[in-house]
Amino acid sequence: MRTIRIPVDNGLHIVADELGERGAPTVILGHGGGQTRHSWDRAGIDLAAAGYHVINYDLLGHGESDWEPDGDYSFARRAADLARVWEYGSNRCAFVGASLGGLSAMAAACHGVWPDALVLVDVVARLSEEGVERIVGFMTANPDGFGTLEDAADAISAYYPDRPRPARLDGLRKNLRQGEDGRFHWHWDPKFLTGGREHGSIIDLLDNADWTARVPTLLVRGMKSDIVTDAGVADLAERLGQLEVVDIGGAGHMVAGDRNDQFNAAVIAFLARVMPPAGVMTG
């Protein structure tokens, strides 16, 4: 694994982990809002082992990537960032995006950055407003941060009681930054939610897009998700002409974290059909 810094607009940089062999079909992994690239650590390893070149990046304003001084985290900016990330990939490229990462991937396609394949992880154009409000409420609930990692773990457990509380908190540490006062804060720019420029409307972008009938797309849905509803899936199926849907039982909105092996297997099987790595024959 190699960690790289990718220059983007306004003199800023995106940080990404690169796995696999350059020249192989590229899979770009985009995490969800409020997460970091480390949510894809296992997926990146498995995709590289399957023969893909993987770029796993921190979205602007998240993780180790720079923060946008003007708070421009619009879909147009996300699309421009993703175009720059793709420059480090091969001619054939798939976008895999969870939640905000998936919306950013769709926005990039709407702005002319067409992937050969698209995987949307528990995200659709019409999200459940109630589910979105619940997530935003969790993300903004502790503006002063946490005194300890255990306090942060308690907050996660209260929000998501179905997920077992980890015995070790090393993984959680990657999603937090420690301030000079010693307190822990989520590893993302507060302007992403509370200020700066509006994201824009993914529905408006899709209504005027010309890629939607041509790009093979997989929706991986967590069956316990409160973000993606049956109505949202039906709406997306009307918009995307080559949509396939895989339902992962026992998984919530954080599908890869809840059922990692099932998630990775579904994504790799889909990509092997629509964008096979070198030397793989499809029927």
C-alpha atoms as a PDB file:
ATOM      1  CA  MET A   1       0.000   0.000   0.000  1.00  0.00           C
ATOM      2  CA  ARG A   2       1.223   3.469  -0.913  1.00  0.00           C
ATOM      3  CA  THR A   3      -0.172   6.700   0.515  1.00  0.00           C
ATOM      4  CA  ILE A   4      -0.293   9.521  -2.034  1.00  0.00           C
ATOM      5  CA  ARG A   5      -1.232  13.207  -2.065  1.00  0.00           C
ATOM      6  CA  ILE A   6      -3.327  14.307  -5.029  1.00  0.00           C
ATOM      7  CA  PRO A   7      -3.441  18.026  -5.922  1.00  0.00           C
ATOM      8  CA  VAL A   8      -6.931  19.437  -6.487  1.00  0.00           C
ATOM      9  CA  ASP A   9      -8.336  22.920  -7.091  1.00  0.00           C
ATOM     10  CA  ASN A  10      -7.337  25.980  -5.026  1.00  0.00           C
ATOM     11  CA  GLY A  11      -3.963  24.524  -4.071  1.00  0.00           C
ATOM     12  CA  LEU A  12      -5.490  21.843  -1.847  1.00  0.00           C
ATOM     13  CA  HIS A  13      -4.633  18.156  -1.642  1.00  0.00           C
ATOM     14  CA  ILE A  14      -6.500  14.903  -1.223  1.00  0.00           C
ATOM     15  CA  VAL A  15      -4.846  12.008   0.587  1.00  0.00           C
ATOM     16  CA  ALA A  16      -5.398   8.483  -0.709  1.00  0.00           C
ATOM     17  CA  ASP A  17      -4.119   4.953  -0.240  1.00  0.00           C
ATOM     18  CA  GLU A  18      -3.145   3.166  -3.449  1.00  0.00           C
ATOM     19  CA  LEU A  19      -3.162  -0.620  -3.658  1.00  0.00           C
ATOM     20  CA  GLY A  20      -2.634  -3.148  -6.439  1.00  0.00           C
ATOM     21  CA  GLU A  21      -0.830  -2.806  -9.724  1.00  0.00           C
ATOM     22  CA  ARG A  22      -1.013   0.360 -11.774  1.00  0.00           C
ATOM     23  CA  GLY A  23      -2.343  -0.366 -15.243  1.00  0.00           C
ATOM     24  CA  ALA A  24      -4.997  -2.773 -13.989  1.00  0.00           C
ATOM     25  CA  PRO A  25      -8.613  -1.533 -14.046  1.00  0.00           C
ATOM     26  CA  THR A  26      -8.968   1.040 -11.300  1.00  0.00           C
ATOM     27  CA  VAL A  27     -11.524   1.050  -8.497  1.00  0.00           C
ATOM     28  CA  ILE A  28     -11.909   4.374  -6.682  1.00  0.00           C
ATOM     29  CA  LEU A  29     -13.375   4.069  -3.186  1.00  0.00           C
ATOM     30  CA  GLY A  30     -15.268   7.035  -1.706  1.00  0.00           C
ATOM     31  CA  HIS A  31     -16.399   6.845   1.921  1.00  0.00           C
ATOM     32  CA  GLY A  32     -19.525   8.268   3.505  1.00  0.00           C
ATOM     33  CA  GLY A  33     -19.967  11.691   5.073  1.00  0.00           C
ATOM     34  CA  GLY A  34     -18.260  11.912   8.449  1.00  0.00           C
ATOM     35  CA  GLN A  35     -16.111   8.841   7.766  1.00  0.00           C
ATOM     36  CA  THR A  36     -12.551   8.470   6.466  1.00  0.00           C
ATOM     37  CA  ARG A  37     -10.881   6.238   3.911  1.00  0.00           C
ATOM     38  CA  HIS A  38     -10.146   3.729   6.659  1.00  0.00           C
ATOM     39  CA  SER A  39     -13.748   2.534   6.434  1.00  0.00           C
ATOM     40  CA  TRP A  40     -12.601   0.841   3.189  1.00  0.00           C
ATOM     41  CA  ASP A  41      -9.351  -0.708   4.465  1.00  0.00           C
ATOM     42  CA  ARG A  42     -10.511  -4.316   4.144  1.00  0.00           C
ATOM     43  CA  ALA A  43     -12.369  -3.699   0.857  1.00  0.00           C
ATOM     44  CA  GLY A  44      -9.252  -2.142  -0.661  1.00  0.00           C
ATOM     45  CA  ILE A  45      -7.141  -5.163   0.225  1.00  0.00           C
ATOM     46  CA  ASP A  46      -9.704  -7.616  -1.177  1.00  0.00           C
ATOM     47  CA  LEU A  47     -10.157  -5.650  -4.419  1.00  0.00           C
ATOM     48  CA  ALA A  48      -6.401  -5.474  -4.951  1.00  0.00           C
ATOM     49  CA  ALA A  49      -6.149  -9.226  -4.342  1.00  0.00           C
ATOM     50  CA  ALA A  50      -8.851  -9.695  -7.006  1.00  0.00           C
ATOM     51  CA  GLY A  51      -6.633  -7.950  -9.561  1.00  0.00           C
ATOM     52  CA  TYR A  52      -7.719  -4.317  -9.371  1.00  0.00           C
ATOM     53  CA  HIS A  53      -5.758  -1.110  -8.940  1.00  0.00           C
ATOM     54  CA  VAL A  54      -7.398   0.610  -5.965  1.00  0.00           C
ATOM     55  CA  ILE A  55      -7.412   4.271  -4.961  1.00  0.00           C
ATOM     56  CA  ASN A  56      -9.033   4.756  -1.572  1.00  0.00           C
ATOM     57  CA  TYR A  57      -9.322   8.466  -0.816  1.00  0.00           C
ATOM     58  CA  ASP A  58     -10.353  10.813   1.958  1.00  0.00           C
ATOM     59  CA  LEU A  59     -13.001  13.170   0.604  1.00  0.00           C
ATOM     60  CA  LEU A  60     -12.109  16.836   0.847  1.00  0.00           C
ATOM     61  CA  GLY A  61     -12.788  18.046   4.378  1.00  0.00           C
ATOM     62  CA  HIS A  62     -12.409  14.543   5.800  1.00  0.00           C
ATOM     63  CA  GLY A  63      -9.595  12.504   7.276  1.00  0.00           C
ATOM     64  CA  GLU A  64      -6.127  13.608   6.165  1.00  0.00           C
ATOM     65  CA  SER A  65      -7.345  15.534   3.113  1.00  0.00           C
ATOM     66  CA  ASP A  66      -7.344  19.323   3.268  1.00  0.00           C
ATOM     67  CA  TRP A  67     -10.279  21.408   4.405  1.00  0.00           C
ATOM     68  CA  GLU A  68     -11.833  23.866   1.953  1.00  0.00           C
ATOM     69  CA  PRO A  69     -11.326  27.366   3.433  1.00  0.00           C
ATOM     70  CA  ASP A  70     -14.514  28.715   1.846  1.00  0.00           C
ATOM     71  CA  GLY A  71     -16.534  25.643   2.764  1.00  0.00           C
ATOM     72  CA  ASP A  72     -17.118  24.684  -0.882  1.00  0.00           C
ATOM     73  CA  TYR A  73     -18.209  21.085  -0.481  1.00  0.00           C
ATOM     74  CA  SER A  74     -20.737  21.263  -3.303  1.00  0.00           C
ATOM     75  CA  PHE A  75     -21.391  18.376  -5.655  1.00  0.00           C
ATOM     76  CA  ALA A  76     -19.610  20.337  -8.383  1.00  0.00           C
ATOM     77  CA  ARG A  77     -16.503  20.495  -6.206  1.00  0.00           C
ATOM     78  CA  ARG A  78     -16.780  16.821  -5.266  1.00  0.00           C
ATOM     79  CA  ALA A  79     -17.042  15.951  -8.971  1.00  0.00           C
ATOM     80  CA  ALA A  80     -13.959  18.025  -9.804  1.00  0.00           C
ATOM     81  CA  ASP A  81     -12.014  16.313  -7.013  1.00  0.00           C
ATOM     82  CA  LEU A  82     -13.011  12.875  -8.248  1.00  0.00           C
ATOM     83  CA  ALA A  83     -11.883  13.772 -11.771  1.00  0.00           C
ATOM     84  CA  ARG A  84      -8.431  14.570 -10.365  1.00  0.00           C
ATOM     85  CA  VAL A  85      -8.326  11.301  -8.442  1.00  0.00           C
ATOM     86  CA  TRP A  86      -9.157   9.407 -11.640  1.00  0.00           C
ATOM     87  CA  GLU A  87      -6.076  10.893 -13.327  1.00  0.00           C
ATOM     88  CA  TYR A  88      -4.035   8.563 -11.113  1.00  0.00           C
ATOM     89  CA  GLY A  89      -5.962   5.552 -12.374  1.00  0.00           C
ATOM     90  CA  SER A  90      -6.136   3.565 -15.589  1.00  0.00           C
ATOM     91  CA  ASN A  91      -8.353   4.078 -18.627  1.00  0.00           C
ATOM     92  CA  ARG A  92     -10.949   1.693 -17.197  1.00  0.00           C
ATOM     93  CA  CYS A  93     -12.337   2.832 -13.881  1.00  0.00           C
ATOM     94  CA  ALA A  94     -15.179   2.059 -11.486  1.00  0.00           C
ATOM     95  CA  PHE A  95     -16.480   4.321  -8.736  1.00  0.00           C
ATOM     96  CA  VAL A  96     -17.552   2.723  -5.459  1.00  0.00           C
ATOM     97  CA  GLY A  97     -19.226   5.216  -3.156  1.00  0.00           C
ATOM     98  CA  ALA A  98     -20.971   4.927   0.190  1.00  0.00           C
ATOM     99  CA  SER A  99     -23.562   7.558   1.048  1.00  0.00           C
ATOM    100  CA  LEU A 100     -21.838  10.920   0.329  1.00  0.00           C
ATOM    101  CA  GLY A 101     -19.193   9.062  -1.669  1.00  0.00           C
ATOM    102  CA  GLY A 102     -21.923   7.568  -3.832  1.00  0.00           C
ATOM    103  CA  LEU A 103     -23.642  10.913  -4.329  1.00  0.00           C
ATOM    104  CA  SER A 104     -20.259  12.380  -5.296  1.00  0.00           C
ATOM    105  CA  ALA A 105     -19.714   9.573  -7.816  1.00  0.00           C
ATOM    106  CA  MET A 106     -23.117  10.206  -9.417  1.00  0.00           C
ATOM    107  CA  ALA A 107     -22.364  13.938  -9.480  1.00  0.00           C
ATOM    108  CA  ALA A 108     -19.042  13.287 -11.204  1.00  0.00           C
ATOM    109  CA  ALA A 109     -20.771  11.221 -13.896  1.00  0.00           C
ATOM    110  CA  CYS A 110     -23.290  14.044 -14.357  1.00  0.00           C
ATOM    111  CA  HIS A 111     -20.375  16.436 -14.845  1.00  0.00           C
ATOM    112  CA  GLY A 112     -18.884  14.269 -17.594  1.00  0.00           C
ATOM    113  CA  VAL A 113     -16.572  11.990 -15.594  1.00  0.00           C
ATOM    114  CA  TRP A 114     -18.100   8.703 -16.721  1.00  0.00           C
ATOM    115  CA  PRO A 115     -16.988   5.520 -14.976  1.00  0.00           C
ATOM    116  CA  ASP A 116     -17.081   2.122 -16.636  1.00  0.00           C
ATOM    117  CA  ALA A 117     -19.075   0.879 -13.658  1.00  0.00           C
ATOM    118  CA  LEU A 118     -20.661   2.360 -10.563  1.00  0.00           C
ATOM    119  CA  VAL A 119     -21.357   0.845  -7.147  1.00  0.00           C
ATOM    120  CA  LEU A 120     -23.645   2.775  -4.821  1.00  0.00           C
ATOM    121  CA  VAL A 121     -23.523   1.693  -1.200  1.00  0.00           C
ATOM    122  CA  ASP A 122     -26.785   2.361   0.624  1.00  0.00           C
ATOM    123  CA  VAL A 123     -27.475   5.595  -1.212  1.00  0.00           C
ATOM    124  CA  VAL A 124     -30.134   6.631  -3.722  1.00  0.00           C
ATOM    125  CA  ALA A 125     -31.296   9.909  -5.219  1.00  0.00           C
ATOM    126  CA  ARG A 126     -34.315  10.199  -2.908  1.00  0.00           C
ATOM    127  CA  LEU A 127     -33.114   9.462   0.600  1.00  0.00           C
ATOM    128  CA  SER A 128     -35.353   9.070   3.624  1.00  0.00           C
ATOM    129  CA  GLU A 129     -35.577  12.531   5.201  1.00  0.00           C
ATOM    130  CA  GLU A 130     -36.101  11.004   8.629  1.00  0.00           C
ATOM    131  CA  GLY A 131     -32.991   8.854   8.275  1.00  0.00           C
ATOM    132  CA  VAL A 132     -30.886  11.769   7.052  1.00  0.00           C
ATOM    133  CA  GLU A 133     -32.039  13.913   9.979  1.00  0.00           C
ATOM    134  CA  ARG A 134     -31.064  11.160  12.388  1.00  0.00           C
ATOM    135  CA  ILE A 135     -27.542  10.947  10.953  1.00  0.00           C
ATOM    136  CA  VAL A 136     -27.077  14.713  10.919  1.00  0.00           C
ATOM    137  CA  GLY A 137     -28.310  14.852  14.497  1.00  0.00           C
ATOM    138  CA  PHE A 138     -25.686  12.322  15.540  1.00  0.00           C
ATOM    139  CA  MET A 139     -22.886  14.092  13.653  1.00  0.00           C
ATOM    140  CA  THR A 140     -23.668  17.492  15.181  1.00  0.00           C
ATOM    141  CA  ALA A 141     -24.529  16.319  18.697  1.00  0.00           C
ATOM    142  CA  ASN A 142     -21.107  16.900  20.265  1.00  0.00           C
ATOM    143  CA  PRO A 143     -19.681  20.174  18.922  1.00  0.00           C
ATOM    144  CA  ASP A 144     -17.196  20.371  21.819  1.00  0.00           C
ATOM    145  CA  GLY A 145     -15.860  16.892  21.102  1.00  0.00           C
ATOM    146  CA  PHE A 146     -15.165  14.078  23.551  1.00  0.00           C
ATOM    147  CA  GLY A 147     -12.913  13.865  26.566  1.00  0.00           C
ATOM    148  CA  THR A 148     -11.860  10.287  25.793  1.00  0.00           C
ATOM    149  CA  LEU A 149     -12.085   7.685  23.053  1.00  0.00           C
ATOM    150  CA  GLU A 150     -14.445   5.778  25.324  1.00  0.00           C
ATOM    151  CA  ASP A 151     -16.843   8.734  25.316  1.00  0.00           C
ATOM    152  CA  ALA A 152     -16.861   8.719  21.513  1.00  0.00           C
ATOM    153  CA  ALA A 153     -17.464   4.969  21.491  1.00  0.00           C
ATOM    154  CA  ASP A 154     -20.388   5.447  23.884  1.00  0.00           C
ATOM    155  CA  ALA A 155     -21.925   8.019  21.522  1.00  0.00           C
ATOM    156  CA  ILE A 156     -21.660   5.588  18.605  1.00  0.00           C
ATOM    157  CA  SER A 157     -23.181   2.779  20.634  1.00  0.00           C
ATOM    158  CA  ALA A 158     -26.109   4.990  21.617  1.00  0.00           C
ATOM    159  CA  TYR A 159     -26.705   5.903  17.980  1.00  0.00           C
ATOM    160  CA  TYR A 160     -26.184   2.385  16.632  1.00  0.00           C
ATOM    161  CA  PRO A 161     -26.942  -0.098  19.434  1.00  0.00           C
ATOM    162  CA  ASP A 162     -27.120  -3.076  17.058  1.00  0.00           C
ATOM    163  CA  ARG A 163     -23.400  -2.899  16.288  1.00  0.00           C
ATOM    164  CA  PRO A 164     -21.199  -4.585  18.931  1.00  0.00           C
ATOM    165  CA  ARG A 165     -19.007  -2.137  20.821  1.00  0.00           C
ATOM    166  CA  PRO A 166     -15.373  -2.892  19.861  1.00  0.00           C
ATOM    167  CA  ALA A 167     -13.107  -4.244  22.577  1.00  0.00           C
ATOM    168  CA  ARG A 168     -10.239  -2.149  21.173  1.00  0.00           C
ATOM    169  CA  LEU A 169     -10.637   1.446  20.054  1.00  0.00           C
ATOM    170  CA  ASP A 170      -7.680   1.634  17.636  1.00  0.00           C
ATOM    171  CA  GLY A 171      -9.968   1.774  14.600  1.00  0.00           C
ATOM    172  CA  LEU A 172     -12.090   4.523  16.142  1.00  0.00           C
ATOM    173  CA  ARG A 173      -8.969   6.612  16.721  1.00  0.00           C
ATOM    174  CA  LYS A 174      -8.538   6.907  12.931  1.00  0.00           C
ATOM    175  CA  ASN A 175     -11.886   8.718  12.706  1.00  0.00           C
ATOM    176  CA  LEU A 176     -10.992  11.305  15.334  1.00  0.00           C
ATOM    177  CA  ARG A 177      -8.525  14.178  15.638  1.00  0.00           C
ATOM    178  CA  GLN A 178      -7.154  15.367  18.950  1.00  0.00           C
ATOM    179  CA  GLY A 179      -7.054  19.103  19.581  1.00  0.00           C
ATOM    180  CA  GLU A 180      -4.499  21.065  21.562  1.00  0.00           C
ATOM    181  CA  ASP A 181      -6.831  20.854  24.549  1.00  0.00           C
ATOM    182  CA  GLY A 182      -6.652  17.073  24.422  1.00  0.00           C
ATOM    183  CA  ARG A 183     -10.283  16.619  23.388  1.00  0.00           C
ATOM    184  CA  PHE A 184     -11.247  14.364  20.484  1.00  0.00           C
ATOM    185  CA  HIS A 185     -13.290  15.633  17.536  1.00  0.00           C
ATOM    186  CA  TRP A 186     -14.619  13.853  14.481  1.00  0.00           C
ATOM    187  CA  HIS A 187     -12.091  13.940  11.639  1.00  0.00           C
ATOM    188  CA  TRP A 188     -14.051  16.244   9.330  1.00  0.00           C
ATOM    189  CA  ASP A 189     -14.591  19.946   8.734  1.00  0.00           C
ATOM    190  CA  PRO A 190     -17.710  21.252  10.561  1.00  0.00           C
ATOM    191  CA  LYS A 191     -18.424  23.473   7.538  1.00  0.00           C
ATOM    192  CA  PHE A 192     -19.279  20.285   5.680  1.00  0.00           C
ATOM    193  CA  LEU A 193     -22.607  20.300   7.556  1.00  0.00           C
ATOM    194  CA  THR A 194     -23.015  23.625   9.298  1.00  0.00           C
ATOM    195  CA  GLY A 195     -21.715  26.244   6.896  1.00  0.00           C
ATOM    196  CA  GLY A 196     -20.138  27.002   3.567  1.00  0.00           C
ATOM    197  CA  ARG A 197     -21.898  26.461   0.278  1.00  0.00           C
ATOM    198  CA  GLU A 198     -24.909  24.283  -0.448  1.00  0.00           C
ATOM    199  CA  HIS A 199     -24.241  20.827  -1.813  1.00  0.00           C
ATOM    200  CA  GLY A 200     -26.738  21.187  -4.646  1.00  0.00           C
ATOM    201  CA  SER A 201     -29.395  18.736  -5.812  1.00  0.00           C
ATOM    202  CA  ILE A 202     -28.403  15.295  -7.062  1.00  0.00           C
ATOM    203  CA  ILE A 203     -31.947  14.864  -8.395  1.00  0.00           C
ATOM    204  CA  ASP A 204     -31.583  17.938 -10.604  1.00  0.00           C
ATOM    205  CA  LEU A 205     -28.260  16.637 -11.884  1.00  0.00           C
ATOM    206  CA  LEU A 206     -29.698  13.202 -12.680  1.00  0.00           C
ATOM    207  CA  ASP A 207     -32.720  14.723 -14.428  1.00  0.00           C
ATOM    208  CA  ASN A 208     -30.353  16.334 -16.928  1.00  0.00           C
ATOM    209  CA  ALA A 209     -27.774  13.536 -17.240  1.00  0.00           C
ATOM    210  CA  ASP A 210     -27.064  11.342 -20.240  1.00  0.00           C
ATOM    211  CA  TRP A 211     -25.025   8.581 -18.580  1.00  0.00           C
ATOM    212  CA  THR A 212     -27.854   7.047 -16.599  1.00  0.00           C
ATOM    213  CA  ALA A 213     -28.928   4.535 -19.249  1.00  0.00           C
ATOM    214  CA  ARG A 214     -25.387   3.436 -20.126  1.00  0.00           C
ATOM    215  CA  VAL A 215     -23.300   2.822 -17.011  1.00  0.00           C
ATOM    216  CA  PRO A 216     -23.698  -0.581 -15.290  1.00  0.00           C
ATOM    217  CA  THR A 217     -24.634   0.228 -11.709  1.00  0.00           C
ATOM    218  CA  LEU A 218     -24.948  -1.864  -8.565  1.00  0.00           C
ATOM    219  CA  LEU A 219     -26.844  -0.689  -5.505  1.00  0.00           C
ATOM    220  CA  VAL A 220     -25.766  -2.523  -2.350  1.00  0.00           C
ATOM    221  CA  ARG A 221     -28.475  -1.932   0.209  1.00  0.00           C
ATOM    222  CA  GLY A 222     -28.397  -2.616   3.929  1.00  0.00           C
ATOM    223  CA  MET A 223     -31.727  -4.155   4.826  1.00  0.00           C
ATOM    224  CA  LYS A 224     -31.707  -2.473   8.258  1.00  0.00           C
ATOM    225  CA  SER A 225     -30.920   0.944   6.768  1.00  0.00           C
ATOM    226  CA  ASP A 226     -33.107   3.894   7.688  1.00  0.00           C
ATOM    227  CA  ILE A 227     -31.689   5.932   4.797  1.00  0.00           C
ATOM    228  CA  VAL A 228     -32.719   3.865   1.765  1.00  0.00           C
ATOM    229  CA  THR A 229     -36.390   2.896   1.463  1.00  0.00           C
ATOM    230  CA  ASP A 230     -38.235   0.703  -1.027  1.00  0.00           C
ATOM    231  CA  ALA A 231     -39.590   3.878  -2.631  1.00  0.00           C
ATOM    232  CA  GLY A 232     -36.069   5.242  -2.964  1.00  0.00           C
ATOM    233  CA  VAL A 233     -34.881   2.055  -4.660  1.00  0.00           C
ATOM    234  CA  ALA A 234     -37.841   2.117  -7.058  1.00  0.00           C
ATOM    235  CA  ASP A 235     -37.117   5.745  -7.927  1.00  0.00           C
ATOM    236  CA  LEU A 236     -33.455   4.965  -8.632  1.00  0.00           C
ATOM    237  CA  ALA A 237     -34.445   2.006 -10.817  1.00  0.00           C
ATOM    238  CA  GLU A 238     -36.507   4.365 -12.949  1.00  0.00           C
ATOM    239  CA  ARG A 239     -33.540   6.718 -13.320  1.00  0.00           C
ATOM    240  CA  LEU A 240     -30.751   4.214 -13.990  1.00  0.00           C
ATOM    241  CA  GLY A 241     -31.311   1.895 -16.921  1.00  0.00           C
ATOM    242  CA  GLN A 242     -28.718  -0.735 -15.918  1.00  0.00           C
ATOM    243  CA  LEU A 243     -29.339  -0.891 -12.186  1.00  0.00           C
ATOM    244  CA  GLU A 244     -28.845  -4.101 -10.229  1.00  0.00           C
ATOM    245  CA  VAL A 245     -29.671  -4.356  -6.527  1.00  0.00           C
ATOM    246  CA  VAL A 246     -28.083  -6.569  -3.876  1.00  0.00           C
ATOM    247  CA  ASP A 247     -29.676  -6.623  -0.433  1.00  0.00           C
ATOM    248  CA  ILE A 248     -27.409  -7.393   2.527  1.00  0.00           C
ATOM    249  CA  GLY A 249     -29.361  -8.811   5.447  1.00  0.00           C
ATOM    250  CA  GLY A 250     -28.401  -7.701   8.941  1.00  0.00           C
ATOM    251  CA  ALA A 251     -26.629  -4.581   7.660  1.00  0.00           C
ATOM    252  CA  GLY A 252     -27.556  -0.986   8.351  1.00  0.00           C
ATOM    253  CA  HIS A 253     -26.443   2.144   6.545  1.00  0.00           C
ATOM    254  CA  MET A 254     -22.770   1.271   7.147  1.00  0.00           C
ATOM    255  CA  VAL A 255     -23.049  -1.845   5.018  1.00  0.00           C
ATOM    256  CA  ALA A 256     -19.347  -2.591   4.594  1.00  0.00           C
ATOM    257  CA  GLY A 257     -18.703  -2.257   8.309  1.00  0.00           C
ATOM    258  CA  ASP A 258     -21.674  -4.396   9.291  1.00  0.00           C
ATOM    259  CA  ARG A 259     -21.261  -7.269   6.815  1.00  0.00           C
ATOM    260  CA  ASN A 260     -17.825  -6.785   5.275  1.00  0.00           C
ATOM    261  CA  ASP A 261     -17.337 -10.226   3.726  1.00  0.00           C
ATOM    262  CA  GLN A 262     -20.779 -10.253   2.072  1.00  0.00           C
ATOM    263  CA  PHE A 263     -20.301  -6.708   0.840  1.00  0.00           C
ATOM    264  CA  ASN A 264     -16.871  -7.343  -0.665  1.00  0.00           C
ATOM    265  CA  ALA A 265     -18.037 -10.545  -2.343  1.00  0.00           C
ATOM    266  CA  ALA A 266     -21.028  -8.793  -3.951  1.00  0.00           C
ATOM    267  CA  VAL A 267     -18.930  -5.892  -5.256  1.00  0.00           C
ATOM    268  CA  ILE A 268     -16.134  -8.079  -6.603  1.00  0.00           C
ATOM    269  CA  ALA A 269     -18.607 -10.412  -8.335  1.00  0.00           C
ATOM    270  CA  PHE A 270     -20.294  -7.435 -10.019  1.00  0.00           C
ATOM    271  CA  LEU A 271     -17.038  -5.833 -11.126  1.00  0.00           C
ATOM    272  CA  ALA A 272     -15.714  -9.154 -12.412  1.00  0.00           C
ATOM    273  CA  ARG A 273     -18.656  -9.244 -14.834  1.00  0.00           C
ATOM    274  CA  VAL A 274     -18.762  -5.630 -16.004  1.00  0.00           C
ATOM    275  CA  MET A 275     -15.101  -4.573 -15.652  1.00  0.00           C
ATOM    276  CA  PRO A 276     -12.983  -7.714 -15.258  1.00  0.00           C
ATOM    277  CA  PRO A 277      -9.330  -7.437 -14.309  1.00  0.00           C
ATOM    278  CA  ALA A 278      -6.685  -8.521 -16.816  1.00  0.00           C
ATOM    279  CA  GLY A 279      -6.723 -12.220 -17.556  1.00  0.00           C
ATOM    280  CA  VAL A 280     -10.267 -12.797 -16.290  1.00  0.00           C
ATOM    281  CA  MET A 281     -12.701 -14.159 -18.857  1.00  0.00           C
ATOM    282  CA  THR A 282     -16.433 -13.574 -18.546  1.00  0.00           C
ATOM    283  CA  GLY A 283     -19.188 -15.618 -20.096  1.00  0.00           C
END
